[in-house]
Amino acid sequence: MDINDFLNYYVLGVVIIGLLLVVFGLMFFLFRNKKANKKMLRELEMEAVSTLDKVENEYKQKEEEQREQVKKDYEKKVDDFKAYVKDMEKISKTTSEIKTFHILRSLKEKLVSDGVLKPSEMRILPKVFLPSKTDGGISAVKVGHIVLLKTGVYLIDTKEFHGNVLYGITKEKVQDFSFLLNDLFPAEEKEIEKTIVFDKSRADQTNLKVIGVENPARRVMDGVDHLQPIVEKHTMPNTITPILYVDHHGNQLINYSAASIPYVFDEQDALTKFLVKRLEECDPIYSEEELEKLEHSIENAGMDKQPAEQPV
């Protein structure tokens, strides 16, 4: 082998070795690059999981804050309503309502003394505000008294008039004096029952004042609507008996109404005899324990601090 052949083989060997080094270098570079890419991918996955956890935690925190705000808003409405009730209680006590309370309390004392019932079997709730939830918040209707007996729930509202009362009169019944209805109720249908009071409240008795009164039974019937959902949680529906008690200060009431409810009384004896007759003739509905639970529900109606579940 001459020198030229040796040089040629030598150069070829160097080239081959160089190519092998380049190939191994590329393979090493690709290996390291792949390893770095895997590491970067793992880091990205971990960062994505961390980000998702952070977003989820932030969402839960925001959801909890919104729920807390809903709860605070509801509690504020309840507290405002309680304050409203207290303010109304200060100004709502009338002489006639006090009379009605004494009538009911005297009746209870007699029934307990005679052994007809136990003290816990007749519960008298005076000046009751019955709340109802509306779209605008909480509204309420005030009724004079609620009497809880084992024979049912008796909702009694007291109306005070100073003079003779024509209750539930219509144009047909008033006959020759139909002009009174036309003058006192010009915008209402003539077939609807009206109430007229010949007022004597003024010191000057020589001039008689004739007053057209808005439906005296409206408040007690509204009270039935507000009370019904509370009572139905404890027993069957239609256990509420609405009663309108009229205090006309010794004058006269003539009841022309064809309506069977509310029951209308203007004498103490008539009211007490009605309640006693119910005790004697009606089957018991409530036990002592049920009366206690019902009283608690009525007194705390609308005062709970747990708002309904709200969408976020």
C-alpha atoms as a PDB file:
ATOM      1  CA  MET A   1       0.000   0.000   0.000  1.00  0.00           C
ATOM      2  CA  ASP A   2       1.490   3.269  -1.036  1.00  0.00           C
ATOM      3  CA  ILE A   3       1.290   6.541   0.825  1.00  0.00           C
ATOM      4  CA  ASN A   4      -1.663   7.834  -1.218  1.00  0.00           C
ATOM      5  CA  ASP A   5      -3.838   4.877  -0.379  1.00  0.00           C
ATOM      6  CA  PHE A   6      -2.987   5.262   3.302  1.00  0.00           C
ATOM      7  CA  LEU A   7      -3.920   8.932   3.224  1.00  0.00           C
ATOM      8  CA  ASN A   8      -7.186   8.141   1.515  1.00  0.00           C
ATOM      9  CA  TYR A   9      -8.092   5.511   4.145  1.00  0.00           C
ATOM     10  CA  TYR A  10      -7.044   7.867   6.891  1.00  0.00           C
ATOM     11  CA  VAL A  11      -9.222  10.721   5.582  1.00  0.00           C
ATOM     12  CA  LEU A  12     -12.148   8.322   5.117  1.00  0.00           C
ATOM     13  CA  GLY A  13     -11.762   7.077   8.693  1.00  0.00           C
ATOM     14  CA  VAL A  14     -11.663  10.627  10.038  1.00  0.00           C
ATOM     15  CA  VAL A  15     -14.807  11.466   8.058  1.00  0.00           C
ATOM     16  CA  ILE A  16     -16.601   8.374   9.332  1.00  0.00           C
ATOM     17  CA  ILE A  17     -15.601   9.080  12.920  1.00  0.00           C
ATOM     18  CA  GLY A  18     -16.711  12.688  12.468  1.00  0.00           C
ATOM     19  CA  LEU A  19     -20.069  11.582  11.094  1.00  0.00           C
ATOM     20  CA  LEU A  20     -20.495   9.168  14.004  1.00  0.00           C
ATOM     21  CA  LEU A  21     -19.726  11.927  16.470  1.00  0.00           C
ATOM     22  CA  VAL A  22     -22.238  14.190  14.739  1.00  0.00           C
ATOM     23  CA  VAL A  23     -24.895  11.431  14.827  1.00  0.00           C
ATOM     24  CA  PHE A  24     -24.223  10.699  18.506  1.00  0.00           C
ATOM     25  CA  GLY A  25     -24.242  14.429  19.221  1.00  0.00           C
ATOM     26  CA  LEU A  26     -27.610  14.828  17.511  1.00  0.00           C
ATOM     27  CA  MET A  27     -29.006  11.827  19.363  1.00  0.00           C
ATOM     28  CA  PHE A  28     -27.747  13.206  22.683  1.00  0.00           C
ATOM     29  CA  PHE A  29     -29.209  16.628  21.858  1.00  0.00           C
ATOM     30  CA  LEU A  30     -32.576  15.103  20.950  1.00  0.00           C
ATOM     31  CA  PHE A  31     -32.550  12.997  24.104  1.00  0.00           C
ATOM     32  CA  ARG A  32     -31.845  16.012  26.319  1.00  0.00           C
ATOM     33  CA  ASN A  33     -34.418  18.086  24.431  1.00  0.00           C
ATOM     34  CA  LYS A  34     -37.044  15.353  24.863  1.00  0.00           C
ATOM     35  CA  LYS A  35     -36.251  15.120  28.552  1.00  0.00           C
ATOM     36  CA  ALA A  36     -36.515  18.911  28.902  1.00  0.00           C
ATOM     37  CA  ASN A  37     -39.832  18.863  27.012  1.00  0.00           C
ATOM     38  CA  LYS A  38     -41.207  16.186  29.350  1.00  0.00           C
ATOM     39  CA  LYS A  39     -40.121  18.216  32.339  1.00  0.00           C
ATOM     40  CA  MET A  40     -41.719  21.354  30.864  1.00  0.00           C
ATOM     41  CA  LEU A  41     -44.911  19.398  30.120  1.00  0.00           C
ATOM     42  CA  ARG A  42     -45.071  18.128  33.722  1.00  0.00           C
ATOM     43  CA  GLU A  43     -44.549  21.661  35.008  1.00  0.00           C
ATOM     44  CA  LEU A  44     -47.305  22.939  32.717  1.00  0.00           C
ATOM     45  CA  GLU A  45     -49.653  20.189  33.905  1.00  0.00           C
ATOM     46  CA  MET A  46     -48.903  20.983  37.549  1.00  0.00           C
ATOM     47  CA  GLU A  47     -49.410  24.700  36.900  1.00  0.00           C
ATOM     48  CA  ALA A  48     -52.707  23.985  35.131  1.00  0.00           C
ATOM     49  CA  VAL A  49     -53.936  21.859  38.067  1.00  0.00           C
ATOM     50  CA  SER A  50     -52.832  24.546  40.515  1.00  0.00           C
ATOM     51  CA  THR A  51     -54.610  27.211  38.467  1.00  0.00           C
ATOM     52  CA  LEU A  52     -57.805  25.142  38.317  1.00  0.00           C
ATOM     53  CA  ASP A  53     -57.692  24.601  42.096  1.00  0.00           C
ATOM     54  CA  LYS A  54     -57.159  28.328  42.600  1.00  0.00           C
ATOM     55  CA  VAL A  55     -60.056  29.210  40.297  1.00  0.00           C
ATOM     56  CA  GLU A  56     -62.299  26.673  42.031  1.00  0.00           C
ATOM     57  CA  ASN A  57     -61.372  28.000  45.470  1.00  0.00           C
ATOM     58  CA  GLU A  58     -62.000  31.574  44.342  1.00  0.00           C
ATOM     59  CA  TYR A  59     -65.387  30.555  42.927  1.00  0.00           C
ATOM     60  CA  LYS A  60     -66.329  28.783  46.168  1.00  0.00           C
ATOM     61  CA  GLN A  61     -65.241  31.805  48.165  1.00  0.00           C
ATOM     62  CA  LYS A  62     -67.280  34.104  45.941  1.00  0.00           C
ATOM     63  CA  GLU A  63     -70.273  31.782  46.172  1.00  0.00           C
ATOM     64  CA  GLU A  64     -69.985  31.725  49.965  1.00  0.00           C
ATOM     65  CA  GLU A  65     -69.717  35.522  50.079  1.00  0.00           C
ATOM     66  CA  GLN A  66     -72.853  35.828  47.959  1.00  0.00           C
ATOM     67  CA  ARG A  67     -74.719  33.365  50.181  1.00  0.00           C
ATOM     68  CA  GLU A  68     -73.584  35.285  53.252  1.00  0.00           C
ATOM     69  CA  GLN A  69     -74.793  38.535  51.682  1.00  0.00           C
ATOM     70  CA  VAL A  70     -78.191  36.969  50.893  1.00  0.00           C
ATOM     71  CA  LYS A  71     -78.420  35.790  54.504  1.00  0.00           C
ATOM     72  CA  LYS A  72     -77.492  39.248  55.841  1.00  0.00           C
ATOM     73  CA  ASP A  73     -80.047  40.933  53.573  1.00  0.00           C
ATOM     74  CA  TYR A  74     -82.751  38.524  54.753  1.00  0.00           C
ATOM     75  CA  GLU A  75     -81.829  38.982  58.410  1.00  0.00           C
ATOM     76  CA  LYS A  76     -81.989  42.750  57.966  1.00  0.00           C
ATOM     77  CA  LYS A  77     -85.506  42.452  56.544  1.00  0.00           C
ATOM     78  CA  VAL A  78     -86.513  40.290  59.500  1.00  0.00           C
ATOM     79  CA  ASP A  79     -84.978  42.720  62.004  1.00  0.00           C
ATOM     80  CA  ASP A  80     -86.679  45.646  60.272  1.00  0.00           C
ATOM     81  CA  PHE A  81     -89.972  43.770  60.425  1.00  0.00           C
ATOM     82  CA  LYS A  82     -89.501  43.063  64.141  1.00  0.00           C
ATOM     83  CA  ALA A  83     -88.876  46.758  64.752  1.00  0.00           C
ATOM     84  CA  TYR A  84     -91.981  47.582  62.716  1.00  0.00           C
ATOM     85  CA  VAL A  85     -94.049  45.157  64.816  1.00  0.00           C
ATOM     86  CA  LYS A  86     -92.815  46.708  68.062  1.00  0.00           C
ATOM     87  CA  ASP A  87     -93.603  50.205  66.815  1.00  0.00           C
ATOM     88  CA  MET A  88     -97.061  49.131  65.708  1.00  0.00           C
ATOM     89  CA  GLU A  89     -97.729  47.438  69.025  1.00  0.00           C
ATOM     90  CA  LYS A  90     -97.099  50.725  70.825  1.00  0.00           C
ATOM     91  CA  ILE A  91     -99.744  52.565  68.831  1.00  0.00           C
ATOM     92  CA  SER A  92    -102.220  49.776  68.096  1.00  0.00           C
ATOM     93  CA  LYS A  93    -103.717  49.126  71.520  1.00  0.00           C
ATOM     94  CA  THR A  94    -107.279  50.471  71.495  1.00  0.00           C
ATOM     95  CA  THR A  95    -109.842  50.581  74.263  1.00  0.00           C
ATOM     96  CA  SER A  96    -112.036  48.107  72.390  1.00  0.00           C
ATOM     97  CA  GLU A  97    -109.189  45.613  71.963  1.00  0.00           C
ATOM     98  CA  ILE A  98    -108.495  45.818  75.696  1.00  0.00           C
ATOM     99  CA  LYS A  99    -112.175  45.094  76.345  1.00  0.00           C
ATOM    100  CA  THR A 100    -112.057  42.065  74.088  1.00  0.00           C
ATOM    101  CA  PHE A 101    -108.952  40.775  75.842  1.00  0.00           C
ATOM    102  CA  HIS A 102    -110.635  41.065  79.248  1.00  0.00           C
ATOM    103  CA  ILE A 103    -113.707  39.243  77.904  1.00  0.00           C
ATOM    104  CA  LEU A 104    -111.555  36.362  76.692  1.00  0.00           C
ATOM    105  CA  ARG A 105    -109.416  36.243  79.813  1.00  0.00           C
ATOM    106  CA  SER A 106    -112.501  36.231  82.053  1.00  0.00           C
ATOM    107  CA  LEU A 107    -113.966  33.404  79.987  1.00  0.00           C
ATOM    108  CA  LYS A 108    -110.771  31.371  80.370  1.00  0.00           C
ATOM    109  CA  GLU A 109    -110.674  31.920  84.110  1.00  0.00           C
ATOM    110  CA  LYS A 110    -114.280  30.729  84.426  1.00  0.00           C
ATOM    111  CA  LEU A 111    -113.751  27.657  82.244  1.00  0.00           C
ATOM    112  CA  VAL A 112    -110.641  26.691  84.206  1.00  0.00           C
ATOM    113  CA  SER A 113    -112.399  27.328  87.525  1.00  0.00           C
ATOM    114  CA  ASP A 114    -115.358  25.168  86.433  1.00  0.00           C
ATOM    115  CA  GLY A 115    -113.019  22.370  85.370  1.00  0.00           C
ATOM    116  CA  VAL A 116    -114.078  22.553  81.730  1.00  0.00           C
ATOM    117  CA  LEU A 117    -110.497  22.853  80.531  1.00  0.00           C
ATOM    118  CA  LYS A 118    -106.926  23.179  81.724  1.00  0.00           C
ATOM    119  CA  PRO A 119    -105.107  26.535  81.499  1.00  0.00           C
ATOM    120  CA  SER A 120    -102.920  25.183  78.697  1.00  0.00           C
ATOM    121  CA  GLU A 121    -105.988  24.189  76.649  1.00  0.00           C
ATOM    122  CA  MET A 122    -106.970  27.813  75.967  1.00  0.00           C
ATOM    123  CA  ARG A 123    -104.279  30.158  74.730  1.00  0.00           C
ATOM    124  CA  ILE A 124    -105.018  33.829  74.058  1.00  0.00           C
ATOM    125  CA  LEU A 125    -102.661  35.684  71.723  1.00  0.00           C
ATOM    126  CA  PRO A 126    -103.415  39.449  71.711  1.00  0.00           C
ATOM    127  CA  LYS A 127    -102.352  41.959  69.049  1.00  0.00           C
ATOM    128  CA  VAL A 128    -101.075  39.416  66.559  1.00  0.00           C
ATOM    129  CA  PHE A 129     -99.120  40.474  63.474  1.00  0.00           C
ATOM    130  CA  LEU A 130     -99.305  37.773  60.821  1.00  0.00           C
ATOM    131  CA  PRO A 131     -96.497  38.109  58.281  1.00  0.00           C
ATOM    132  CA  SER A 132     -96.471  36.972  54.682  1.00  0.00           C
ATOM    133  CA  LYS A 133     -93.520  36.903  52.282  1.00  0.00           C
ATOM    134  CA  THR A 134     -93.990  38.895  49.098  1.00  0.00           C
ATOM    135  CA  ASP A 135     -91.809  39.812  46.142  1.00  0.00           C
ATOM    136  CA  GLY A 136     -91.032  43.100  47.862  1.00  0.00           C
ATOM    137  CA  GLY A 137     -90.078  41.588  51.204  1.00  0.00           C
ATOM    138  CA  ILE A 138     -92.415  40.952  54.125  1.00  0.00           C
ATOM    139  CA  SER A 139     -95.930  42.285  54.603  1.00  0.00           C
ATOM    140  CA  ALA A 140     -98.223  41.773  57.578  1.00  0.00           C
ATOM    141  CA  VAL A 141    -101.804  42.014  58.700  1.00  0.00           C
ATOM    142  CA  LYS A 142    -102.705  42.801  62.305  1.00  0.00           C
ATOM    143  CA  VAL A 143    -105.597  41.121  64.044  1.00  0.00           C
ATOM    144  CA  GLY A 144    -106.834  41.749  67.540  1.00  0.00           C
ATOM    145  CA  HIS A 145    -106.699  38.271  69.048  1.00  0.00           C
ATOM    146  CA  ILE A 146    -106.133  34.625  68.217  1.00  0.00           C
ATOM    147  CA  VAL A 147    -107.667  32.099  70.595  1.00  0.00           C
ATOM    148  CA  LEU A 148    -106.303  28.561  70.469  1.00  0.00           C
ATOM    149  CA  LEU A 149    -108.676  25.903  71.782  1.00  0.00           C
ATOM    150  CA  LYS A 150    -108.617  22.138  71.436  1.00  0.00           C
ATOM    151  CA  THR A 151    -111.618  22.524  69.079  1.00  0.00           C
ATOM    152  CA  GLY A 152    -109.839  24.883  66.677  1.00  0.00           C
ATOM    153  CA  VAL A 153    -108.338  28.292  66.029  1.00  0.00           C
ATOM    154  CA  TYR A 154    -110.513  31.369  66.549  1.00  0.00           C
ATOM    155  CA  LEU A 155    -109.340  34.596  64.957  1.00  0.00           C
ATOM    156  CA  ILE A 156    -111.112  37.577  66.529  1.00  0.00           C
ATOM    157  CA  ASP A 157    -110.891  41.121  65.209  1.00  0.00           C
ATOM    158  CA  THR A 158    -112.489  44.011  67.065  1.00  0.00           C
ATOM    159  CA  LYS A 159    -114.082  47.010  65.378  1.00  0.00           C
ATOM    160  CA  GLU A 160    -115.024  50.110  67.330  1.00  0.00           C
ATOM    161  CA  PHE A 161    -117.896  52.397  66.311  1.00  0.00           C
ATOM    162  CA  HIS A 162    -119.580  55.217  68.198  1.00  0.00           C
ATOM    163  CA  GLY A 163    -123.173  54.825  67.083  1.00  0.00           C
ATOM    164  CA  ASN A 164    -125.766  52.524  65.557  1.00  0.00           C
ATOM    165  CA  VAL A 165    -124.418  50.168  62.903  1.00  0.00           C
ATOM    166  CA  LEU A 166    -126.106  48.728  59.827  1.00  0.00           C
ATOM    167  CA  TYR A 167    -123.844  45.834  58.872  1.00  0.00           C
ATOM    168  CA  GLY A 168    -123.874  44.044  55.517  1.00  0.00           C
ATOM    169  CA  ILE A 169    -126.661  46.083  54.008  1.00  0.00           C
ATOM    170  CA  THR A 170    -127.493  46.235  50.294  1.00  0.00           C
ATOM    171  CA  LYS A 171    -129.594  48.540  48.141  1.00  0.00           C
ATOM    172  CA  GLU A 172    -132.365  45.969  48.080  1.00  0.00           C
ATOM    173  CA  LYS A 173    -132.490  45.737  51.871  1.00  0.00           C
ATOM    174  CA  VAL A 174    -132.260  49.452  52.516  1.00  0.00           C
ATOM    175  CA  GLN A 175    -135.196  50.046  50.127  1.00  0.00           C
ATOM    176  CA  ASP A 176    -136.482  53.615  50.472  1.00  0.00           C
ATOM    177  CA  PHE A 177    -133.164  54.772  51.869  1.00  0.00           C
ATOM    178  CA  SER A 178    -131.119  53.450  48.943  1.00  0.00           C
ATOM    179  CA  PHE A 179    -129.908  56.985  48.285  1.00  0.00           C
ATOM    180  CA  LEU A 180    -127.642  56.525  51.321  1.00  0.00           C
ATOM    181  CA  LEU A 181    -125.715  53.841  49.475  1.00  0.00           C
ATOM    182  CA  ASN A 182    -125.571  55.949  46.324  1.00  0.00           C
ATOM    183  CA  ASP A 183    -124.159  58.892  48.265  1.00  0.00           C
ATOM    184  CA  LEU A 184    -121.797  56.973  50.575  1.00  0.00           C
ATOM    185  CA  PHE A 185    -120.525  54.432  48.029  1.00  0.00           C
ATOM    186  CA  PRO A 186    -120.885  56.122  44.621  1.00  0.00           C
ATOM    187  CA  ALA A 187    -118.093  54.169  42.930  1.00  0.00           C
ATOM    188  CA  GLU A 188    -118.973  50.667  44.141  1.00  0.00           C
ATOM    189  CA  GLU A 189    -121.387  48.081  42.833  1.00  0.00           C
ATOM    190  CA  LYS A 190    -124.768  48.403  44.486  1.00  0.00           C
ATOM    191  CA  GLU A 191    -125.082  44.629  45.071  1.00  0.00           C
ATOM    192  CA  ILE A 192    -122.011  44.499  47.317  1.00  0.00           C
ATOM    193  CA  GLU A 193    -122.799  44.539  51.037  1.00  0.00           C
ATOM    194  CA  LYS A 194    -121.979  47.803  52.818  1.00  0.00           C
ATOM    195  CA  THR A 195    -121.749  49.004  56.414  1.00  0.00           C
ATOM    196  CA  ILE A 196    -123.242  52.288  57.575  1.00  0.00           C
ATOM    197  CA  VAL A 197    -122.623  53.908  60.970  1.00  0.00           C
ATOM    198  CA  PHE A 198    -124.818  56.639  62.424  1.00  0.00           C
ATOM    199  CA  ASP A 199    -122.012  58.249  64.348  1.00  0.00           C
ATOM    200  CA  LYS A 200    -122.621  59.808  67.784  1.00  0.00           C
ATOM    201  CA  SER A 201    -119.023  60.335  68.812  1.00  0.00           C
ATOM    202  CA  ARG A 202    -119.173  64.109  68.741  1.00  0.00           C
ATOM    203  CA  ALA A 203    -120.165  66.138  71.784  1.00  0.00           C
ATOM    204  CA  ASP A 204    -122.864  67.882  69.767  1.00  0.00           C
ATOM    205  CA  GLN A 205    -125.651  65.257  69.676  1.00  0.00           C
ATOM    206  CA  THR A 206    -128.022  67.456  67.684  1.00  0.00           C
ATOM    207  CA  ASN A 207    -126.260  66.719  64.402  1.00  0.00           C
ATOM    208  CA  LEU A 208    -126.106  63.094  63.289  1.00  0.00           C
ATOM    209  CA  LYS A 209    -123.161  62.020  61.126  1.00  0.00           C
ATOM    210  CA  VAL A 210    -123.725  59.151  58.701  1.00  0.00           C
ATOM    211  CA  ILE A 211    -120.527  57.302  57.766  1.00  0.00           C
ATOM    212  CA  GLY A 212    -119.899  54.685  55.114  1.00  0.00           C
ATOM    213  CA  VAL A 213    -117.382  52.169  56.470  1.00  0.00           C
ATOM    214  CA  GLU A 214    -115.007  50.119  54.371  1.00  0.00           C
ATOM    215  CA  ASN A 215    -115.666  46.392  54.768  1.00  0.00           C
ATOM    216  CA  PRO A 216    -115.159  45.819  58.549  1.00  0.00           C
ATOM    217  CA  ALA A 217    -114.531  42.119  57.961  1.00  0.00           C
ATOM    218  CA  ARG A 218    -111.677  42.591  55.524  1.00  0.00           C
ATOM    219  CA  ARG A 219    -108.922  42.520  58.142  1.00  0.00           C
ATOM    220  CA  VAL A 220    -110.142  39.365  59.867  1.00  0.00           C
ATOM    221  CA  MET A 221    -110.541  37.582  56.526  1.00  0.00           C
ATOM    222  CA  ASP A 222    -107.072  38.733  55.432  1.00  0.00           C
ATOM    223  CA  GLY A 223    -105.860  37.356  58.746  1.00  0.00           C
ATOM    224  CA  VAL A 224    -107.332  33.958  57.866  1.00  0.00           C
ATOM    225  CA  ASP A 225    -105.382  33.963  54.587  1.00  0.00           C
ATOM    226  CA  HIS A 226    -102.141  34.820  56.416  1.00  0.00           C
ATOM    227  CA  LEU A 227    -102.771  32.352  59.243  1.00  0.00           C
ATOM    228  CA  GLN A 228    -103.878  29.403  57.117  1.00  0.00           C
ATOM    229  CA  PRO A 229    -100.367  28.340  55.914  1.00  0.00           C
ATOM    230  CA  ILE A 230     -99.121  28.314  59.517  1.00  0.00           C
ATOM    231  CA  VAL A 231    -102.035  26.250  60.828  1.00  0.00           C
ATOM    232  CA  GLU A 232    -101.904  23.762  57.958  1.00  0.00           C
ATOM    233  CA  LYS A 233     -98.411  22.721  59.061  1.00  0.00           C
ATOM    234  CA  HIS A 234     -99.945  21.344  62.262  1.00  0.00           C
ATOM    235  CA  THR A 235    -103.340  20.017  61.241  1.00  0.00           C
ATOM    236  CA  MET A 236    -105.890  19.774  58.468  1.00  0.00           C
ATOM    237  CA  PRO A 237    -107.038  22.969  56.664  1.00  0.00           C
ATOM    238  CA  ASN A 238    -110.235  24.896  57.440  1.00  0.00           C
ATOM    239  CA  THR A 239    -109.844  24.820  61.227  1.00  0.00           C
ATOM    240  CA  ILE A 240    -109.805  28.627  61.545  1.00  0.00           C
ATOM    241  CA  THR A 241    -113.003  30.359  62.617  1.00  0.00           C
ATOM    242  CA  PRO A 242    -113.043  34.117  61.853  1.00  0.00           C
ATOM    243  CA  ILE A 243    -115.021  36.320  64.249  1.00  0.00           C
ATOM    244  CA  LEU A 244    -115.802  40.027  64.001  1.00  0.00           C
ATOM    245  CA  TYR A 245    -116.569  41.595  67.369  1.00  0.00           C
ATOM    246  CA  VAL A 246    -118.196  45.028  67.150  1.00  0.00           C
ATOM    247  CA  ASP A 247    -117.930  47.440  70.054  1.00  0.00           C
ATOM    248  CA  HIS A 248    -120.524  50.153  69.418  1.00  0.00           C
ATOM    249  CA  HIS A 249    -120.454  51.548  72.960  1.00  0.00           C
ATOM    250  CA  GLY A 250    -123.953  50.529  73.942  1.00  0.00           C
ATOM    251  CA  ASN A 251    -125.637  51.428  70.690  1.00  0.00           C
ATOM    252  CA  GLN A 252    -127.274  48.990  68.279  1.00  0.00           C
ATOM    253  CA  LEU A 253    -126.033  46.711  65.515  1.00  0.00           C
ATOM    254  CA  ILE A 254    -128.346  45.303  62.868  1.00  0.00           C
ATOM    255  CA  ASN A 255    -126.762  42.514  60.841  1.00  0.00           C
ATOM    256  CA  TYR A 256    -128.216  42.319  57.312  1.00  0.00           C
ATOM    257  CA  SER A 257    -125.370  40.272  55.900  1.00  0.00           C
ATOM    258  CA  ALA A 258    -126.091  37.035  54.039  1.00  0.00           C
ATOM    259  CA  ALA A 259    -122.473  35.878  54.514  1.00  0.00           C
ATOM    260  CA  SER A 260    -121.964  32.974  56.911  1.00  0.00           C
ATOM    261  CA  ILE A 261    -118.432  34.104  57.767  1.00  0.00           C
ATOM    262  CA  PRO A 262    -117.113  35.856  59.637  1.00  0.00           C
ATOM    263  CA  TYR A 263    -119.351  35.343  62.644  1.00  0.00           C
ATOM    264  CA  VAL A 264    -120.446  38.789  63.844  1.00  0.00           C
ATOM    265  CA  PHE A 265    -121.094  39.571  67.526  1.00  0.00           C
ATOM    266  CA  ASP A 266    -121.706  42.822  69.363  1.00  0.00           C
ATOM    267  CA  GLU A 267    -122.464  41.464  72.837  1.00  0.00           C
ATOM    268  CA  GLN A 268    -120.088  39.867  75.313  1.00  0.00           C
ATOM    269  CA  ASP A 269    -122.517  37.070  76.233  1.00  0.00           C
ATOM    270  CA  ALA A 270    -123.079  36.120  72.610  1.00  0.00           C
ATOM    271  CA  LEU A 271    -119.333  35.859  71.956  1.00  0.00           C
ATOM    272  CA  THR A 272    -118.578  33.796  75.067  1.00  0.00           C
ATOM    273  CA  LYS A 273    -121.578  31.480  74.554  1.00  0.00           C
ATOM    274  CA  PHE A 274    -120.408  30.822  70.989  1.00  0.00           C
ATOM    275  CA  LEU A 275    -116.942  29.755  72.161  1.00  0.00           C
ATOM    276  CA  VAL A 276    -118.356  27.618  74.987  1.00  0.00           C
ATOM    277  CA  LYS A 277    -120.781  25.941  72.576  1.00  0.00           C
ATOM    278  CA  ARG A 278    -117.860  25.083  70.276  1.00  0.00           C
ATOM    279  CA  LEU A 279    -116.073  23.449  73.213  1.00  0.00           C
ATOM    280  CA  GLU A 280    -119.181  21.450  74.117  1.00  0.00           C
ATOM    281  CA  GLU A 281    -120.288  20.352  70.649  1.00  0.00           C
ATOM    282  CA  CYS A 282    -117.143  20.099  68.490  1.00  0.00           C
ATOM    283  CA  ASP A 283    -114.695  17.222  68.504  1.00  0.00           C
ATOM    284  CA  PRO A 284    -111.189  18.019  69.770  1.00  0.00           C
ATOM    285  CA  ILE A 285    -108.586  18.754  67.089  1.00  0.00           C
ATOM    286  CA  TYR A 286    -105.523  19.671  69.155  1.00  0.00           C
ATOM    287  CA  SER A 287    -103.797  18.170  72.160  1.00  0.00           C
ATOM    288  CA  GLU A 288    -102.090  20.331  74.776  1.00  0.00           C
ATOM    289  CA  GLU A 289     -98.719  19.674  73.132  1.00  0.00           C
ATOM    290  CA  GLU A 290    -100.063  20.573  69.694  1.00  0.00           C
ATOM    291  CA  LEU A 291    -101.554  23.815  71.031  1.00  0.00           C
ATOM    292  CA  GLU A 292     -98.166  24.758  72.479  1.00  0.00           C
ATOM    293  CA  LYS A 293     -96.416  24.060  69.160  1.00  0.00           C
ATOM    294  CA  LEU A 294     -99.058  25.993  67.234  1.00  0.00           C
ATOM    295  CA  GLU A 295     -98.727  28.985  69.554  1.00  0.00           C
ATOM    296  CA  HIS A 296     -94.950  28.964  69.063  1.00  0.00           C
ATOM    297  CA  SER A 297     -95.352  28.788  65.272  1.00  0.00           C
ATOM    298  CA  ILE A 298     -97.757  31.729  65.215  1.00  0.00           C
ATOM    299  CA  GLU A 299     -95.634  33.883  67.507  1.00  0.00           C
ATOM    300  CA  ASN A 300     -92.491  33.179  65.472  1.00  0.00           C
ATOM    301  CA  ALA A 301     -94.020  33.204  62.005  1.00  0.00           C
ATOM    302  CA  GLY A 302     -91.676  34.930  59.545  1.00  0.00           C
ATOM    303  CA  MET A 303     -89.049  35.472  62.251  1.00  0.00           C
ATOM    304  CA  ASP A 304     -86.757  32.569  61.361  1.00  0.00           C
ATOM    305  CA  LYS A 305     -83.205  33.432  60.391  1.00  0.00           C
ATOM    306  CA  GLN A 306     -82.820  30.810  57.702  1.00  0.00           C
ATOM    307  CA  PRO A 307     -83.486  32.192  54.231  1.00  0.00           C
ATOM    308  CA  ALA A 308     -84.489  29.905  51.438  1.00  0.00           C
ATOM    309  CA  GLU A 309     -81.780  28.549  49.158  1.00  0.00           C
ATOM    310  CA  GLN A 310     -80.863  31.224  46.638  1.00  0.00           C
ATOM    311  CA  PRO A 311     -79.372  30.636  43.186  1.00  0.00           C
ATOM    312  CA  VAL A 312     -75.869  32.120  42.733  1.00  0.00           C
END
